[in-house]
Amino acid sequence: MPRLALVAVLAALAAAAPSSSSAQEPYTPTGLAATFSYGAGGELGLAKGEDKGGAGVTEIEATLGYDLESLNLRPEIGLALGLDPDTNLAFRPGVRWISPQVPLQVRLALDMSNARDRSMQWRWLLLGVATELRFTSVLGLFAEVDTGAPLSSEAGVPLLVRGGATFRF
């Protein structure tokens, strides 16, 4: 009998205890979002002598941003490691507009790079269009096409295709 009373008391305490978040409750992201992508393409219209190593562009990019859901905007800061035409580093502050109705995003970013053995200088104003397939509230895969305008007389017009993953925290 004492064991049955102990089990009853423990069951009553467990039922009266405040419930913690269960695995059935949906995860609510904090607003932070990170992307990781691989991109390749070209730099069109380079001046003669500026195409050392060719006009191809290959890079790995990572961004960190914060979703402002009420505005459908994500300000973000990106870093890209260029693999072609040479190993270089690019810094990309920008903003991404995310459509609330369809899986469409528009990105506007500035690109500062030391590509082609130059010092860090503004290279491009990038304009991109992306689509994202969201698997969960945390993970999505995206494909993007970037183009834009050169900000330096030594840069060509970018044309990049990239694919990657988005992680929301």
C-alpha atoms as a PDB file:
ATOM      1  CA  MET A   1       0.000   0.000   0.000  1.00  0.00           C
ATOM      2  CA  PRO A   2       2.774   2.549   0.807  1.00  0.00           C
ATOM      3  CA  ARG A   3       4.255   2.039  -2.679  1.00  0.00           C
ATOM      4  CA  LEU A   4       0.898   2.701  -4.307  1.00  0.00           C
ATOM      5  CA  ALA A   5       0.540   5.918  -2.263  1.00  0.00           C
ATOM      6  CA  LEU A   6       4.054   7.011  -3.285  1.00  0.00           C
ATOM      7  CA  VAL A   7       3.266   6.401  -6.960  1.00  0.00           C
ATOM      8  CA  ALA A   8       0.001   8.360  -6.603  1.00  0.00           C
ATOM      9  CA  VAL A   9       1.816  11.306  -4.956  1.00  0.00           C
ATOM     10  CA  LEU A  10       4.523  11.337  -7.665  1.00  0.00           C
ATOM     11  CA  ALA A  11       1.894  11.197 -10.417  1.00  0.00           C
ATOM     12  CA  ALA A  12      -0.005  14.097  -8.825  1.00  0.00           C
ATOM     13  CA  LEU A  13       3.190  16.171  -8.548  1.00  0.00           C
ATOM     14  CA  ALA A  14       4.097  15.451 -12.161  1.00  0.00           C
ATOM     15  CA  ALA A  15       0.627  16.492 -13.327  1.00  0.00           C
ATOM     16  CA  ALA A  16       0.723  19.701 -11.270  1.00  0.00           C
ATOM     17  CA  ALA A  17       4.228  20.724 -12.387  1.00  0.00           C
ATOM     18  CA  PRO A  18       4.380  23.468 -15.025  1.00  0.00           C
ATOM     19  CA  SER A  19       4.992  21.973 -18.435  1.00  0.00           C
ATOM     20  CA  SER A  20       8.239  22.731 -20.168  1.00  0.00           C
ATOM     21  CA  SER A  21       8.445  23.228 -23.916  1.00  0.00           C
ATOM     22  CA  SER A  22       7.711  19.960 -25.596  1.00  0.00           C
ATOM     23  CA  ALA A  23       9.052  18.539 -28.821  1.00  0.00           C
ATOM     24  CA  GLN A  24       5.622  19.158 -30.375  1.00  0.00           C
ATOM     25  CA  GLU A  25       5.797  22.941 -30.016  1.00  0.00           C
ATOM     26  CA  PRO A  26       7.169  24.656 -33.146  1.00  0.00           C
ATOM     27  CA  TYR A  27      10.631  26.200 -33.022  1.00  0.00           C
ATOM     28  CA  THR A  28      10.554  29.994 -33.227  1.00  0.00           C
ATOM     29  CA  PRO A  29      13.706  31.428 -34.816  1.00  0.00           C
ATOM     30  CA  THR A  30      15.417  34.427 -33.196  1.00  0.00           C
ATOM     31  CA  GLY A  31      15.681  36.276 -36.507  1.00  0.00           C
ATOM     32  CA  LEU A  32      19.336  35.481 -37.129  1.00  0.00           C
ATOM     33  CA  ALA A  33      20.001  33.846 -40.486  1.00  0.00           C
ATOM     34  CA  ALA A  34      23.209  32.532 -42.037  1.00  0.00           C
ATOM     35  CA  THR A  35      23.794  31.441 -45.610  1.00  0.00           C
ATOM     36  CA  PHE A  36      26.595  29.356 -47.080  1.00  0.00           C
ATOM     37  CA  SER A  37      26.961  29.086 -50.839  1.00  0.00           C
ATOM     38  CA  TYR A  38      29.199  28.128 -53.728  1.00  0.00           C
ATOM     39  CA  GLY A  39      29.174  30.427 -56.754  1.00  0.00           C
ATOM     40  CA  ALA A  40      30.722  30.421 -60.199  1.00  0.00           C
ATOM     41  CA  GLY A  41      30.504  32.602 -63.257  1.00  0.00           C
ATOM     42  CA  GLY A  42      32.403  35.299 -65.028  1.00  0.00           C
ATOM     43  CA  GLU A  43      33.424  38.916 -65.130  1.00  0.00           C
ATOM     44  CA  LEU A  44      32.387  40.314 -68.485  1.00  0.00           C
ATOM     45  CA  GLY A  45      33.962  43.253 -70.308  1.00  0.00           C
ATOM     46  CA  LEU A  46      37.304  43.375 -68.522  1.00  0.00           C
ATOM     47  CA  ALA A  47      39.747  45.913 -69.914  1.00  0.00           C
ATOM     48  CA  LYS A  48      42.704  44.515 -71.846  1.00  0.00           C
ATOM     49  CA  GLY A  49      45.397  43.465 -69.390  1.00  0.00           C
ATOM     50  CA  GLU A  50      42.943  43.234 -66.467  1.00  0.00           C
ATOM     51  CA  ASP A  51      41.976  39.640 -67.201  1.00  0.00           C
ATOM     52  CA  LYS A  52      45.050  38.091 -65.589  1.00  0.00           C
ATOM     53  CA  GLY A  53      44.107  34.495 -64.861  1.00  0.00           C
ATOM     54  CA  GLY A  54      40.998  34.725 -67.050  1.00  0.00           C
ATOM     55  CA  ALA A  55      37.576  36.221 -66.567  1.00  0.00           C
ATOM     56  CA  GLY A  56      36.151  33.307 -64.574  1.00  0.00           C
ATOM     57  CA  VAL A  57      34.988  33.747 -61.003  1.00  0.00           C
ATOM     58  CA  THR A  58      34.625  30.925 -58.462  1.00  0.00           C
ATOM     59  CA  GLU A  59      33.914  31.590 -54.792  1.00  0.00           C
ATOM     60  CA  ILE A  60      32.532  30.379 -51.504  1.00  0.00           C
ATOM     61  CA  GLU A  61      30.364  32.897 -49.636  1.00  0.00           C
ATOM     62  CA  ALA A  62      28.982  33.062 -46.086  1.00  0.00           C
ATOM     63  CA  THR A  63      26.576  35.718 -44.846  1.00  0.00           C
ATOM     64  CA  LEU A  64      25.069  36.560 -41.487  1.00  0.00           C
ATOM     65  CA  GLY A  65      21.908  38.623 -41.287  1.00  0.00           C
ATOM     66  CA  TYR A  66      18.857  39.457 -39.219  1.00  0.00           C
ATOM     67  CA  ASP A  67      15.321  38.969 -40.574  1.00  0.00           C
ATOM     68  CA  LEU A  68      13.115  42.017 -40.097  1.00  0.00           C
ATOM     69  CA  GLU A  69       9.886  40.143 -40.766  1.00  0.00           C
ATOM     70  CA  SER A  70       7.617  43.197 -40.570  1.00  0.00           C
ATOM     71  CA  LEU A  71       9.557  44.779 -43.476  1.00  0.00           C
ATOM     72  CA  ASN A  72      10.400  41.508 -45.297  1.00  0.00           C
ATOM     73  CA  LEU A  73      14.056  42.605 -45.218  1.00  0.00           C
ATOM     74  CA  ARG A  74      17.256  40.968 -44.054  1.00  0.00           C
ATOM     75  CA  PRO A  75      20.293  43.266 -43.656  1.00  0.00           C
ATOM     76  CA  GLU A  76      23.350  41.039 -43.963  1.00  0.00           C
ATOM     77  CA  ILE A  77      27.126  41.038 -43.974  1.00  0.00           C
ATOM     78  CA  GLY A  78      28.929  38.577 -46.182  1.00  0.00           C
ATOM     79  CA  LEU A  79      32.441  37.272 -46.642  1.00  0.00           C
ATOM     80  CA  ALA A  80      33.492  35.519 -49.820  1.00  0.00           C
ATOM     81  CA  LEU A  81      36.617  33.504 -50.417  1.00  0.00           C
ATOM     82  CA  GLY A  82      37.483  33.772 -54.096  1.00  0.00           C
ATOM     83  CA  LEU A  83      39.111  30.711 -55.628  1.00  0.00           C
ATOM     84  CA  ASP A  84      39.399  31.968 -59.204  1.00  0.00           C
ATOM     85  CA  PRO A  85      40.947  33.977 -60.894  1.00  0.00           C
ATOM     86  CA  ASP A  86      43.160  34.009 -57.807  1.00  0.00           C
ATOM     87  CA  THR A  87      42.709  33.420 -54.109  1.00  0.00           C
ATOM     88  CA  ASN A  88      41.088  36.576 -52.755  1.00  0.00           C
ATOM     89  CA  LEU A  89      38.791  37.856 -50.051  1.00  0.00           C
ATOM     90  CA  ALA A  90      35.629  39.905 -50.536  1.00  0.00           C
ATOM     91  CA  PHE A  91      33.528  41.785 -47.975  1.00  0.00           C
ATOM     92  CA  ARG A  92      29.829  42.203 -48.885  1.00  0.00           C
ATOM     93  CA  PRO A  93      27.430  44.331 -46.859  1.00  0.00           C
ATOM     94  CA  GLY A  94      23.928  44.240 -48.270  1.00  0.00           C
ATOM     95  CA  VAL A  95      20.221  43.776 -47.841  1.00  0.00           C
ATOM     96  CA  ARG A  96      17.855  41.041 -48.993  1.00  0.00           C
ATOM     97  CA  TRP A  97      14.119  41.490 -49.645  1.00  0.00           C
ATOM     98  CA  ILE A  98      12.134  38.300 -49.039  1.00  0.00           C
ATOM     99  CA  SER A  99       8.709  37.938 -50.631  1.00  0.00           C
ATOM    100  CA  PRO A 100       6.088  36.812 -48.104  1.00  0.00           C
ATOM    101  CA  GLN A 101       3.884  35.133 -50.746  1.00  0.00           C
ATOM    102  CA  VAL A 102       6.271  33.264 -53.070  1.00  0.00           C
ATOM    103  CA  PRO A 103       9.771  31.804 -52.565  1.00  0.00           C
ATOM    104  CA  LEU A 104      11.506  34.793 -54.164  1.00  0.00           C
ATOM    105  CA  GLN A 105      14.289  36.992 -52.796  1.00  0.00           C
ATOM    106  CA  VAL A 106      16.049  40.050 -54.198  1.00  0.00           C
ATOM    107  CA  ARG A 107      19.530  40.911 -52.954  1.00  0.00           C
ATOM    108  CA  LEU A 108      21.448  44.192 -53.214  1.00  0.00           C
ATOM    109  CA  ALA A 109      25.062  44.185 -51.972  1.00  0.00           C
ATOM    110  CA  LEU A 110      28.324  46.058 -52.320  1.00  0.00           C
ATOM    111  CA  ASP A 111      31.456  44.015 -52.999  1.00  0.00           C
ATOM    112  CA  MET A 112      34.906  45.054 -51.733  1.00  0.00           C
ATOM    113  CA  SER A 113      37.664  42.700 -52.861  1.00  0.00           C
ATOM    114  CA  ASN A 114      41.399  42.255 -53.295  1.00  0.00           C
ATOM    115  CA  ALA A 115      40.988  40.110 -56.432  1.00  0.00           C
ATOM    116  CA  ARG A 116      43.630  40.153 -59.164  1.00  0.00           C
ATOM    117  CA  ASP A 117      46.395  41.114 -56.732  1.00  0.00           C
ATOM    118  CA  ARG A 118      44.944  44.526 -55.908  1.00  0.00           C
ATOM    119  CA  SER A 119      44.468  46.140 -52.534  1.00  0.00           C
ATOM    120  CA  MET A 120      40.976  46.033 -51.022  1.00  0.00           C
ATOM    121  CA  GLN A 121      38.744  48.225 -53.151  1.00  0.00           C
ATOM    122  CA  TRP A 122      35.089  48.432 -54.122  1.00  0.00           C
ATOM    123  CA  ARG A 123      34.585  46.115 -57.076  1.00  0.00           C
ATOM    124  CA  TRP A 124      30.851  45.660 -57.754  1.00  0.00           C
ATOM    125  CA  LEU A 125      27.334  46.686 -56.879  1.00  0.00           C
ATOM    126  CA  LEU A 126      25.595  43.297 -56.931  1.00  0.00           C
ATOM    127  CA  LEU A 127      21.939  42.683 -57.708  1.00  0.00           C
ATOM    128  CA  GLY A 128      20.711  39.120 -57.226  1.00  0.00           C
ATOM    129  CA  VAL A 129      17.499  37.151 -57.561  1.00  0.00           C
ATOM    130  CA  ALA A 130      17.078  33.950 -55.548  1.00  0.00           C
ATOM    131  CA  THR A 131      14.545  31.278 -54.813  1.00  0.00           C
ATOM    132  CA  GLU A 132      14.540  29.227 -51.626  1.00  0.00           C
ATOM    133  CA  LEU A 133      13.038  25.866 -50.782  1.00  0.00           C
ATOM    134  CA  ARG A 134      12.446  25.751 -47.015  1.00  0.00           C
ATOM    135  CA  PHE A 135      12.451  22.291 -45.476  1.00  0.00           C
ATOM    136  CA  THR A 136      11.935  23.398 -41.866  1.00  0.00           C
ATOM    137  CA  SER A 137      11.789  26.674 -39.966  1.00  0.00           C
ATOM    138  CA  VAL A 138      15.566  26.298 -39.559  1.00  0.00           C
ATOM    139  CA  LEU A 139      16.861  24.915 -42.885  1.00  0.00           C
ATOM    140  CA  GLY A 140      16.389  25.906 -46.516  1.00  0.00           C
ATOM    141  CA  LEU A 141      18.236  25.476 -49.818  1.00  0.00           C
ATOM    142  CA  PHE A 142      18.518  28.308 -52.314  1.00  0.00           C
ATOM    143  CA  ALA A 143      19.680  29.093 -55.839  1.00  0.00           C
ATOM    144  CA  GLU A 144      20.651  32.619 -56.869  1.00  0.00           C
ATOM    145  CA  VAL A 145      21.779  34.570 -59.921  1.00  0.00           C
ATOM    146  CA  ASP A 146      23.848  37.716 -59.297  1.00  0.00           C
ATOM    147  CA  THR A 147      24.813  40.455 -61.708  1.00  0.00           C
ATOM    148  CA  GLY A 148      25.479  44.121 -61.239  1.00  0.00           C
ATOM    149  CA  ALA A 149      27.658  47.058 -62.101  1.00  0.00           C
ATOM    150  CA  PRO A 150      31.399  47.549 -61.753  1.00  0.00           C
ATOM    151  CA  LEU A 151      32.447  50.174 -59.189  1.00  0.00           C
ATOM    152  CA  SER A 152      36.029  50.272 -60.458  1.00  0.00           C
ATOM    153  CA  SER A 153      37.422  50.864 -63.923  1.00  0.00           C
ATOM    154  CA  GLU A 154      39.497  47.705 -63.412  1.00  0.00           C
ATOM    155  CA  ALA A 155      36.439  45.487 -62.785  1.00  0.00           C
ATOM    156  CA  GLY A 156      34.102  43.871 -65.265  1.00  0.00           C
ATOM    157  CA  VAL A 157      30.379  43.193 -65.074  1.00  0.00           C
ATOM    158  CA  PRO A 158      29.727  40.212 -62.761  1.00  0.00           C
ATOM    159  CA  LEU A 159      27.539  37.291 -63.752  1.00  0.00           C
ATOM    160  CA  LEU A 160      27.417  34.647 -60.993  1.00  0.00           C
ATOM    161  CA  VAL A 161      25.253  31.630 -60.299  1.00  0.00           C
ATOM    162  CA  ARG A 162      25.272  30.272 -56.753  1.00  0.00           C
ATOM    163  CA  GLY A 163      23.611  27.603 -54.712  1.00  0.00           C
ATOM    164  CA  GLY A 164      23.631  27.036 -50.999  1.00  0.00           C
ATOM    165  CA  ALA A 165      21.857  26.616 -47.700  1.00  0.00           C
ATOM    166  CA  THR A 166      20.142  29.009 -45.311  1.00  0.00           C
ATOM    167  CA  PHE A 167      20.117  28.372 -41.565  1.00  0.00           C
ATOM    168  CA  ARG A 168      17.799  30.311 -39.262  1.00  0.00           C
ATOM    169  CA  PHE A 169      18.578  30.420 -35.554  1.00  0.00           C
END
